[in-house]
């Protein structure tokens, strides 16, 4: 199922270039498929983005839910407007590159992000339309070849991510440099929506952080989970607290009551029974990844205190 988003004003398209309802998404896997039928790309730690270009300077940016995002990323609109690569739809990520690796926290839209930031980049990895032609049915290798030909030189802030053919070597590279992970793609695969396929797989390194516990969430009056802050942002809450720790935490929250450190809370958090702490303390957490909204996915408590 696809949707058409009409265009008005500058950059109207003769061909509406129908966008997918949701972009094609890789399936999480602990294994790296190998063989001549597979290619591999770095998993950039950014925000998934579709870009529609009219070939004459018109740029439309969409989120992975296909919601307009030009207002959220004006620096990317400005970056892509000079491109003259024909009417096309690019699939990629908007990332923040800190000089050594992508930084997901810095790319998130929020009160701490500058309106214009020259460290924001756009990395393309697939091509859905080429000169207005829908090429999603074509094999990924051909779509990628067409995409790469549009960007013969890699610019610092807009480029096509490399396609390599040694998955284990790429995995070793990203681990050594503490990047997020890799995507394995079947070279003959068409572009299909969401995860309705067995063509793309992602393997990512585990997220391990030391977060501040700034609140204790209660359920039926008893300690249930810990509210976490990381890089001055709310990143979720974690449970898995043993009985002995719950007793200590119950006493601690009575001794150190405080106020909520966040300017805003989600509707769910507003309804929760949380005792905020005047004295935060560190805990170690692991998770699958950060969501696009900056929340830890499937967090697990490793222990209290910072790593030594």
Protein backbone atom coordinates (compact mmCIF):
# COMPACT_ATOMS: atom_id res chain seq x y z
CA UNK A 1 0.00 0.00 0.00
CA UNK A 2 1.32 3.43 -0.94
CA UNK A 3 0.34 7.02 -0.48
CA UNK A 4 0.64 10.09 -2.67
CA UNK A 5 1.54 13.39 -1.12
CA UNK A 6 0.57 16.27 -3.38
CA UNK A 7 3.00 19.11 -3.91
CA UNK A 8 2.19 22.80 -4.09
CA UNK A 9 4.26 25.81 -5.03
CA UNK A 10 7.92 25.56 -5.97
CA UNK A 11 9.03 22.14 -7.06
CA UNK A 12 5.66 20.70 -8.18
CA UNK A 13 6.19 17.26 -9.70
CA UNK A 14 4.84 16.25 -13.09
CA UNK A 15 5.00 12.71 -11.69
CA UNK A 16 3.86 12.57 -8.04
CA UNK A 17 6.39 9.79 -7.29
CA UNK A 18 4.31 7.78 -4.87
CA UNK A 19 5.97 7.19 -1.53
CA UNK A 20 5.75 3.90 0.39
CA UNK A 21 3.43 3.90 3.38
CA UNK A 22 6.52 3.03 5.43
CA UNK A 23 10.12 2.55 4.25
CA UNK A 24 11.63 -0.89 3.87
CA UNK A 25 13.03 -1.92 7.25
CA UNK A 26 15.78 -4.41 8.14
CA UNK A 27 15.04 -7.35 10.42
CA UNK A 28 17.12 -7.72 13.58
CA UNK A 29 19.41 -10.74 13.48
CA UNK A 30 22.30 -11.98 15.57
CA UNK A 31 23.84 -13.60 12.49
CA UNK A 32 25.46 -12.07 9.41
CA UNK A 33 24.30 -13.85 6.23
CA UNK A 34 27.23 -14.62 3.95
CA UNK A 35 27.61 -15.55 0.32
CA UNK A 36 27.96 -13.92 -3.10
CA UNK A 37 24.30 -12.90 -3.07
CA UNK A 38 24.80 -10.50 -0.14
CA UNK A 39 26.12 -6.95 0.21
CA UNK A 40 26.71 -4.94 3.37
CA UNK A 41 26.41 -1.33 4.49
CA UNK A 42 27.18 0.54 7.71
CA UNK A 43 24.15 1.20 9.90
CA UNK A 44 24.33 4.93 10.46
CA UNK A 45 23.16 6.02 13.89
CA UNK A 46 20.67 8.61 12.65
CA UNK A 47 17.05 9.34 11.79
CA UNK A 48 15.55 7.35 8.93
CA UNK A 49 14.52 9.72 6.16
CA UNK A 50 12.93 9.71 2.71
CA UNK A 51 13.85 12.60 0.42
CA UNK A 52 11.90 13.55 -2.67
CA UNK A 53 13.65 15.85 -5.16
CA UNK A 54 11.93 17.43 -8.17
CA UNK A 55 15.21 17.93 -10.05
CA UNK A 56 14.91 21.73 -10.00
CA UNK A 57 15.80 22.51 -6.40
CA UNK A 58 12.55 21.39 -4.76
CA UNK A 59 13.20 19.28 -1.67
CA UNK A 60 10.74 17.34 0.49
CA UNK A 61 11.92 15.49 3.59
CA UNK A 62 9.82 12.80 5.24
CA UNK A 63 10.15 10.77 8.43
CA UNK A 64 9.94 6.98 8.47
CA UNK A 65 6.22 7.47 9.11
CA UNK A 66 6.15 9.54 5.90
CA UNK A 67 5.41 12.76 7.78
CA UNK A 68 6.82 16.06 6.38
CA UNK A 69 10.01 17.13 8.15
CA UNK A 70 11.32 20.13 6.21
CA UNK A 71 10.63 22.37 9.19
CA UNK A 72 12.59 20.10 11.54
CA UNK A 73 15.71 19.89 9.37
CA UNK A 74 16.13 23.21 7.52
CA UNK A 75 19.88 22.66 7.26
CA UNK A 76 19.28 19.44 5.31
CA UNK A 77 16.83 21.17 2.97
CA UNK A 78 19.49 23.83 2.37
CA UNK A 79 22.10 21.12 1.83
CA UNK A 80 20.05 19.20 -0.77
CA UNK A 81 18.49 22.12 -2.67
CA UNK A 82 21.54 22.65 -4.96
CA UNK A 83 21.49 19.01 -6.13
CA UNK A 84 20.61 18.52 -9.78
CA UNK A 85 20.33 14.75 -10.02
CA UNK A 86 16.89 14.53 -11.64
CA UNK A 87 13.47 13.86 -10.17
CA UNK A 88 14.08 11.08 -7.67
CA UNK A 89 13.32 9.65 -4.23
CA UNK A 90 16.24 8.84 -1.96
CA UNK A 91 16.16 6.61 1.10
CA UNK A 92 18.71 7.29 3.79
CA UNK A 93 19.42 8.80 7.18
CA UNK A 94 20.00 12.22 8.64
CA UNK A 95 22.90 11.86 11.06
CA UNK A 96 25.09 13.99 13.28
CA UNK A 97 28.79 13.25 12.75
CA UNK A 98 30.96 14.31 15.68
CA UNK A 99 34.25 13.71 13.88
CA UNK A 100 34.72 10.08 14.85
CA UNK A 101 31.26 8.49 14.71
CA UNK A 102 27.56 9.32 14.31
CA UNK A 103 25.91 10.60 17.49
CA UNK A 104 22.22 9.71 17.66
CA UNK A 105 21.46 11.94 20.64
CA UNK A 106 22.68 15.03 18.81
CA UNK A 107 20.50 14.42 15.74
CA UNK A 108 17.27 14.24 17.74
CA UNK A 109 14.99 17.20 17.39
CA UNK A 110 14.55 18.86 20.76
CA UNK A 111 15.17 21.92 22.88
CA UNK A 112 18.92 21.33 22.89
CA UNK A 113 19.36 21.11 19.10
CA UNK A 114 20.40 24.18 17.16
CA UNK A 115 18.13 25.20 14.33
CA UNK A 116 21.10 25.06 11.97
CA UNK A 117 23.94 22.68 12.64
CA UNK A 118 26.77 22.13 10.16
CA UNK A 119 27.55 18.73 11.66
CA UNK A 120 24.24 17.37 10.35
CA UNK A 121 24.68 15.17 7.28
CA UNK A 122 22.51 13.18 4.89
CA UNK A 123 23.62 9.67 3.98
CA UNK A 124 21.76 7.93 1.13
CA UNK A 125 21.66 4.15 0.77
CA UNK A 126 18.84 3.39 -1.69
CA UNK A 127 17.01 4.90 -4.65
CA UNK A 128 13.24 4.43 -5.11
CA UNK A 129 12.63 6.65 -8.15
CA UNK A 130 15.06 7.64 -10.88
CA UNK A 131 14.07 10.46 -13.25
CA UNK A 132 10.49 9.95 -12.09
CA UNK A 133 10.56 6.20 -12.87
CA UNK A 134 9.57 3.81 -10.08
CA UNK A 135 12.54 1.46 -9.78
CA UNK A 136 11.54 -0.28 -6.55
CA UNK A 137 10.92 -3.60 -8.39
CA UNK A 138 14.55 -3.62 -9.62
CA UNK A 139 17.26 -5.57 -7.74
CA UNK A 140 18.93 -3.65 -4.94
CA UNK A 141 22.33 -3.88 -6.65
CA UNK A 142 20.96 -2.05 -9.71
CA UNK A 143 19.16 0.57 -7.61
CA UNK A 144 22.37 1.15 -5.65
CA UNK A 145 24.42 1.46 -8.85
CA UNK A 146 22.04 4.13 -10.16
CA UNK A 147 22.19 5.93 -6.82
CA UNK A 148 25.99 5.87 -6.69
CA UNK A 149 26.21 7.26 -10.23
CA UNK A 150 24.32 10.36 -9.09
CA UNK A 151 27.00 11.11 -6.49
CA UNK A 152 30.33 10.41 -8.27
CA UNK A 153 32.23 12.32 -5.58
CA UNK A 154 31.68 11.91 -1.85
CA UNK A 155 30.99 15.31 -0.31
CA UNK A 156 31.52 15.89 3.43
CA UNK A 157 27.85 16.30 4.30
CA UNK A 158 25.88 14.48 1.60
CA UNK A 159 27.00 11.18 0.12
CA UNK A 160 26.10 7.55 -0.61
CA UNK A 161 27.20 5.04 1.99
CA UNK A 162 29.55 2.35 0.69
CA UNK A 163 28.41 -1.11 -0.36
CA UNK A 164 30.95 -3.80 0.56
CA UNK A 165 31.00 -7.56 0.14
CA UNK A 166 32.74 -8.82 3.28
CA UNK A 167 30.18 -8.70 6.09
CA UNK A 168 32.32 -10.12 8.93
CA UNK A 169 35.13 -7.66 8.10
CA UNK A 170 32.69 -4.72 8.15
CA UNK A 171 31.29 -5.94 11.47
CA UNK A 172 34.80 -6.00 12.91
CA UNK A 173 35.39 -2.48 11.59
CA UNK A 174 32.27 -1.00 13.22
CA UNK A 175 32.97 -2.76 16.52
CA UNK A 176 36.55 -1.56 16.65
CA UNK A 177 35.38 2.01 16.11
CA UNK A 178 32.27 1.66 18.29
CA UNK A 179 29.80 2.41 15.50
CA UNK A 180 26.22 1.15 15.66
CA UNK A 181 26.16 -1.91 13.40
CA UNK A 182 25.72 -3.18 9.84
CA UNK A 183 22.90 -3.94 7.41
CA UNK A 184 23.07 -7.08 5.26
CA UNK A 185 21.16 -6.75 1.98
CA UNK A 186 20.35 -9.38 -0.61
CA UNK A 187 21.64 -7.98 -3.87
CA UNK A 188 18.70 -9.18 -5.98
CA UNK A 189 16.02 -7.90 -3.59
CA UNK A 190 13.25 -5.50 -4.64
CA UNK A 191 12.25 -2.60 -2.40
CA UNK A 192 9.24 -3.63 -0.30
CA UNK A 193 7.52 -1.91 2.60
CA UNK A 194 8.27 -2.41 6.28
CA UNK A 195 9.55 -5.88 7.23
CA UNK A 196 7.46 -7.93 4.81
CA UNK A 197 10.52 -9.67 3.43
CA UNK A 198 13.65 -11.71 4.13
CA UNK A 199 16.02 -9.45 2.22
CA UNK A 200 17.51 -6.99 4.72
CA UNK A 201 18.95 -7.84 8.15
CA UNK A 202 20.57 -5.67 10.77
CA UNK A 203 23.13 -6.64 13.35
CA UNK A 204 23.94 -3.96 15.90
CA UNK A 205 26.20 -3.63 18.84
CA UNK A 206 24.54 -3.54 22.19
CA UNK A 207 23.96 -0.14 23.76
CA UNK A 208 25.60 0.14 27.18
CA UNK A 209 25.31 3.37 29.13
CA UNK A 210 25.65 4.73 32.64
CA UNK A 211 22.49 6.74 33.28
CA UNK A 212 21.31 8.85 36.20
CA UNK A 213 18.39 7.55 38.21
CA UNK A 214 16.29 10.69 38.77
CA UNK A 215 13.05 9.11 39.91
CA UNK A 216 11.52 5.92 41.24
CA UNK A 217 8.33 4.65 39.69
CA UNK A 218 5.84 3.01 42.03
CA UNK A 219 3.20 0.38 41.35
CA UNK A 220 0.57 -0.20 44.02
CA UNK A 221 2.75 1.82 46.37
CA UNK A 222 5.87 -0.34 45.89
CA UNK A 223 9.12 0.29 43.99
CA UNK A 224 8.64 -0.88 40.41
CA UNK A 225 11.25 0.74 38.12
CA UNK A 226 13.86 3.47 37.83
CA UNK A 227 13.37 6.62 35.75
CA UNK A 228 16.51 7.36 33.73
CA UNK A 229 18.26 10.49 32.47
CA UNK A 230 21.12 10.42 29.96
CA UNK A 231 22.75 13.42 28.25
CA UNK A 232 20.24 15.58 30.15
CA UNK A 233 17.29 13.82 28.48
CA UNK A 234 14.63 11.37 29.60
CA UNK A 235 15.51 8.00 28.06
CA UNK A 236 12.92 5.73 29.67
CA UNK A 237 12.74 3.56 32.74
CA UNK A 238 14.17 0.18 33.67
CA UNK A 239 12.89 -2.58 35.94
CA UNK A 240 14.49 -5.87 37.00
CA UNK A 241 15.29 -4.68 40.54
CA UNK A 242 15.92 -7.37 43.13
CA UNK A 243 14.08 -7.45 46.47
CA UNK A 244 17.04 -6.24 48.54
CA UNK A 245 17.60 -3.24 46.25
CA UNK A 246 13.91 -2.35 46.36
CA UNK A 247 14.10 -2.05 50.15
CA UNK A 248 17.12 0.26 49.94
CA UNK A 249 15.46 2.34 47.20
CA UNK A 250 12.24 2.71 49.19
CA UNK A 251 14.25 4.15 52.07
CA UNK A 252 16.36 6.35 49.79
CA UNK A 253 13.35 7.98 48.10
CA UNK A 254 11.90 8.88 51.50
CA UNK A 255 15.16 10.51 52.55
CA UNK A 256 15.76 12.43 49.29
CA UNK A 257 12.45 13.62 47.74
CA UNK A 258 12.91 16.09 44.88
CA UNK A 259 11.26 17.58 41.80
CA UNK A 260 10.94 16.41 38.21
CA UNK A 261 14.09 17.45 36.28
CA UNK A 262 12.42 17.35 32.85
CA UNK A 263 10.63 20.28 31.21
CA UNK A 264 8.03 18.01 29.64
CA UNK A 265 6.75 14.48 30.20
CA UNK A 266 4.88 12.04 27.99
CA UNK A 267 1.19 11.49 28.76
CA UNK A 268 2.05 8.04 30.12
CA UNK A 269 4.66 9.41 32.49
CA UNK A 270 2.29 12.13 33.69
CA UNK A 271 -0.13 9.42 34.77
CA UNK A 272 2.57 7.37 36.50
CA UNK A 273 3.23 7.46 40.23
CA UNK A 274 6.82 8.69 40.38
CA UNK A 275 8.85 9.86 43.36
CA UNK A 276 11.44 12.28 41.99
CA UNK A 277 14.84 12.38 43.67
CA UNK A 278 16.79 15.38 44.92
CA UNK A 279 19.95 13.23 44.79
CA UNK A 280 20.29 11.25 41.52
CA UNK A 281 22.59 8.24 41.44
CA UNK A 282 24.15 6.28 38.56
CA UNK A 283 23.16 2.88 37.25
CA UNK A 284 24.45 0.77 34.37
CA UNK A 285 21.97 -0.22 31.68
CA UNK A 286 22.07 -2.21 28.47
CA UNK A 287 19.51 -2.00 25.65
CA UNK A 288 18.96 -3.01 22.05
CA UNK A 289 19.17 0.59 20.85
CA UNK A 290 17.77 4.10 21.20
CA UNK A 291 14.44 4.64 19.43
CA UNK A 292 14.00 7.57 17.03
CA UNK A 293 12.52 9.51 19.95
CA UNK A 294 15.57 8.78 22.12
CA UNK A 295 14.04 6.12 24.37
CA UNK A 296 15.97 2.95 25.25
CA UNK A 297 14.51 -0.16 23.66
CA UNK A 298 14.21 -3.18 25.96
CA UNK A 299 16.53 -1.82 28.65
CA UNK A 300 18.00 -4.17 31.27
CA UNK A 301 19.55 -3.18 34.57
CA UNK A 302 23.17 -4.30 34.93
CA UNK A 303 23.96 -2.74 38.30
CA UNK A 304 24.36 0.42 40.30
CA UNK A 305 27.22 2.90 40.21
CA UNK A 306 29.42 3.96 37.32
CA UNK A 307 31.79 1.52 35.66
CA UNK A 308 35.16 1.49 37.30
